[in-house]
Amino acid sequence: MILRKAKSTEINQIWEIIQYAIAQRKADGSTQWQDGYPNENTIQADIEQGYGYIIEEKGTVLLYAAVIFGTEPAYENIVGKWLSNQDYVVIHRVAASPLAKGKSIATKFFQMVEGLCLEKKVYSIKVDTNFDNMAMLRILEKLAYTYCGEVYFRGAARKAFEKVLPR
């Protein structure tokens, strides 16, 4: 399994994974991603800006996510407090393929991003999710992310987490 930047030629595969994730969120009773976001334009913009990453195994895309080395404007107004004020990476739009079932792919993804962060000398990872995204909340707990408060996207509160990596 490798983590690498997504290519524009992979948008159709990625979009299928996003649509599967949207359906999964709905089946789980979550309101996350039920309002037309993310959409194909979001994914295209991610890739064009160098944010789109995939996990690939033997030529098959198993996971897509946006990995943003920079700032997230919504994170500037947290209701709570971040663990650190250092440079950070933001993770958005994590979506796993049905072909990844049973592979703990999202957990592996977060672990691979930690390695990428260390390579780039960025020691903080920030992420947010819906209050009702139980699968993501379990992953963040398992990987020792700390709940820091709430941030707001498109008018809705989301749980915000940070993990500070050892130097």
Protein backbone atom coordinates (compact mmCIF):
# COMPACT_ATOMS: atom_id res chain seq x y z
CA MET A 1 0.00 0.00 0.00
CA ILE A 2 1.28 3.43 -0.88
CA LEU A 3 0.12 6.94 -0.07
CA ARG A 4 0.57 9.35 -2.96
CA LYS A 5 -0.92 12.43 -4.56
CA ALA A 6 -3.99 11.76 -6.66
CA LYS A 7 -3.91 12.32 -10.41
CA SER A 8 -6.62 14.05 -12.42
CA THR A 9 -6.99 10.85 -14.46
CA GLU A 10 -8.24 9.14 -11.29
CA ILE A 11 -11.17 11.49 -10.67
CA ASN A 12 -13.76 8.95 -11.86
CA GLN A 13 -12.43 6.27 -9.47
CA ILE A 14 -12.25 8.81 -6.65
CA TRP A 15 -15.77 10.06 -7.32
CA GLU A 16 -17.10 6.48 -7.10
CA ILE A 17 -15.44 6.17 -3.69
CA ILE A 18 -16.89 9.51 -2.55
CA GLN A 19 -20.38 8.45 -3.67
CA TYR A 20 -20.00 5.18 -1.77
CA ALA A 21 -18.93 7.13 1.35
CA ILE A 22 -21.90 9.49 0.99
CA ALA A 23 -24.22 6.47 0.87
CA GLN A 24 -22.46 4.91 3.88
CA ARG A 25 -22.86 8.09 5.94
CA LYS A 26 -26.58 8.09 5.11
CA ALA A 27 -26.95 4.37 5.93
CA ASP A 28 -25.23 5.00 9.27
CA GLY A 29 -27.80 7.70 10.04
CA SER A 30 -25.29 10.54 9.70
CA THR A 31 -26.16 13.91 8.23
CA GLN A 32 -22.57 14.37 7.05
CA TRP A 33 -22.16 14.79 3.28
CA GLN A 34 -25.91 14.71 2.62
CA ASP A 35 -26.11 18.23 1.18
CA GLY A 36 -24.23 18.01 -2.12
CA TYR A 37 -20.80 18.35 -0.55
CA PRO A 38 -18.28 17.11 -1.41
CA ASN A 39 -18.88 17.06 -5.13
CA GLU A 40 -16.79 16.44 -8.25
CA ASN A 41 -15.68 20.09 -8.36
CA THR A 42 -14.40 19.80 -4.78
CA ILE A 43 -12.31 16.76 -5.72
CA GLN A 44 -11.04 18.39 -8.93
CA ALA A 45 -9.97 21.48 -6.95
CA ASP A 46 -8.24 19.28 -4.34
CA ILE A 47 -6.18 17.57 -7.03
CA GLU A 48 -5.36 20.81 -8.87
CA GLN A 49 -4.15 22.38 -5.61
CA GLY A 50 -2.06 19.33 -4.70
CA TYR A 51 -4.29 18.39 -1.74
CA GLY A 52 -5.78 15.19 -3.12
CA TYR A 53 -4.13 12.00 -1.85
CA ILE A 54 -4.94 8.35 -2.35
CA ILE A 55 -3.91 5.05 -0.92
CA GLU A 56 -3.24 2.66 -3.75
CA GLU A 57 -2.71 -1.07 -3.62
CA LYS A 58 -1.75 -2.99 -6.77
CA GLY A 59 -3.13 -0.23 -9.00
CA THR A 60 -6.44 0.05 -7.13
CA VAL A 61 -7.48 3.22 -5.31
CA LEU A 62 -8.64 2.22 -1.82
CA LEU A 63 -8.97 5.61 -0.12
CA TYR A 64 -9.17 9.28 -0.99
CA ALA A 65 -8.60 12.29 1.26
CA ALA A 66 -7.52 15.91 1.14
CA VAL A 67 -4.23 16.48 2.98
CA ILE A 68 -3.56 20.19 3.27
CA PHE A 69 -0.21 21.47 4.49
CA GLY A 70 -1.29 24.99 5.40
CA THR A 71 -4.07 26.61 7.32
CA GLU A 72 -7.80 26.05 7.52
CA PRO A 73 -9.60 29.38 7.97
CA ALA A 74 -12.46 27.73 9.89
CA TYR A 75 -9.94 26.49 12.45
CA GLU A 76 -9.03 30.06 13.41
CA ASN A 77 -12.37 30.41 15.24
CA ILE A 78 -12.46 27.26 17.35
CA VAL A 79 -14.87 27.19 20.27
CA GLY A 80 -12.33 25.58 22.54
CA LYS A 81 -8.54 25.51 22.29
CA TRP A 82 -6.07 23.76 20.03
CA LEU A 83 -3.20 21.89 21.67
CA SER A 84 -0.61 23.88 19.71
CA ASN A 85 -0.10 26.98 17.61
CA GLN A 86 2.52 25.46 15.32
CA ASP A 87 2.32 24.66 11.60
CA TYR A 88 -0.15 21.87 10.95
CA VAL A 89 -1.65 19.63 8.32
CA VAL A 90 -5.42 19.48 7.83
CA ILE A 91 -7.20 16.30 6.80
CA HIS A 92 -10.55 16.59 5.05
CA ARG A 93 -12.82 14.36 2.96
CA VAL A 94 -11.60 10.91 4.03
CA ALA A 95 -13.45 8.28 1.99
CA ALA A 96 -12.68 4.57 1.68
CA SER A 97 -13.58 2.26 -1.18
CA PRO A 98 -15.82 -0.76 -0.54
CA LEU A 99 -12.79 -2.77 -1.74
CA ALA A 100 -10.99 -1.64 1.44
CA LYS A 101 -13.47 -3.29 3.81
CA GLY A 102 -11.67 -5.11 6.60
CA LYS A 103 -8.28 -3.54 5.83
CA SER A 104 -8.42 -0.79 8.51
CA ILE A 105 -7.59 1.52 5.62
CA ALA A 106 -8.56 4.79 7.31
CA THR A 107 -6.39 3.95 10.33
CA LYS A 108 -3.48 3.11 8.01
CA PHE A 109 -4.09 6.36 6.14
CA PHE A 110 -3.79 8.46 9.29
CA GLN A 111 -0.62 6.58 10.24
CA MET A 112 0.85 7.18 6.78
CA VAL A 113 0.01 10.89 7.03
CA GLU A 114 1.92 10.98 10.32
CA GLY A 115 4.98 9.71 8.44
CA LEU A 116 4.47 12.31 5.71
CA CYS A 117 4.23 15.03 8.35
CA LEU A 118 7.46 13.95 10.01
CA GLU A 119 9.21 14.00 6.61
CA LYS A 120 8.02 17.57 6.10
CA LYS A 121 8.82 18.57 9.71
CA VAL A 122 5.19 19.38 10.50
CA TYR A 123 4.29 18.09 13.94
CA SER A 124 0.57 18.80 14.25
CA ILE A 125 -2.40 17.17 12.51
CA LYS A 126 -5.83 18.78 12.79
CA VAL A 127 -9.08 17.21 11.67
CA ASP A 128 -12.79 17.71 12.19
CA THR A 129 -15.83 15.53 11.74
CA ASN A 130 -19.55 15.49 12.31
CA PHE A 131 -20.84 14.68 15.78
CA ASP A 132 -22.60 11.65 14.30
CA ASN A 133 -19.72 10.17 12.27
CA MET A 134 -19.10 7.33 14.69
CA ALA A 135 -16.62 5.50 12.45
CA MET A 136 -14.31 8.53 12.23
CA LEU A 137 -14.72 9.32 15.92
CA ARG A 138 -13.60 5.76 16.78
CA ILE A 139 -10.54 6.07 14.52
CA LEU A 140 -9.52 9.39 16.06
CA GLU A 141 -9.91 7.97 19.56
CA LYS A 142 -7.90 4.85 18.67
CA LEU A 143 -5.07 6.98 17.24
CA ALA A 144 -4.93 9.25 20.33
CA TYR A 145 -6.30 12.45 18.79
CA THR A 146 -7.39 14.98 21.40
CA TYR A 147 -10.81 16.61 21.23
CA CYS A 148 -10.20 20.39 21.22
CA GLY A 149 -13.66 21.90 20.70
CA GLU A 150 -15.95 22.86 17.86
CA VAL A 151 -15.36 24.51 14.51
CA TYR A 152 -18.01 25.63 12.04
CA PHE A 153 -18.30 24.74 8.36
CA ARG A 154 -21.17 25.92 6.18
CA GLY A 155 -23.09 26.95 9.31
CA ALA A 156 -22.79 23.66 11.19
CA ALA A 157 -20.72 22.75 14.24
CA ARG A 158 -18.18 19.97 13.89
CA LYS A 159 -15.96 18.24 16.44
CA ALA A 160 -12.32 19.34 16.10
CA PHE A 161 -9.32 17.20 17.02
CA GLU A 162 -5.56 17.59 17.07
CA LYS A 163 -2.63 15.23 17.40
CA VAL A 164 0.82 16.62 18.17
CA LEU A 165 3.55 14.35 16.87
CA PRO A 166 6.82 13.75 18.72
CA ARG A 167 9.84 15.54 17.30
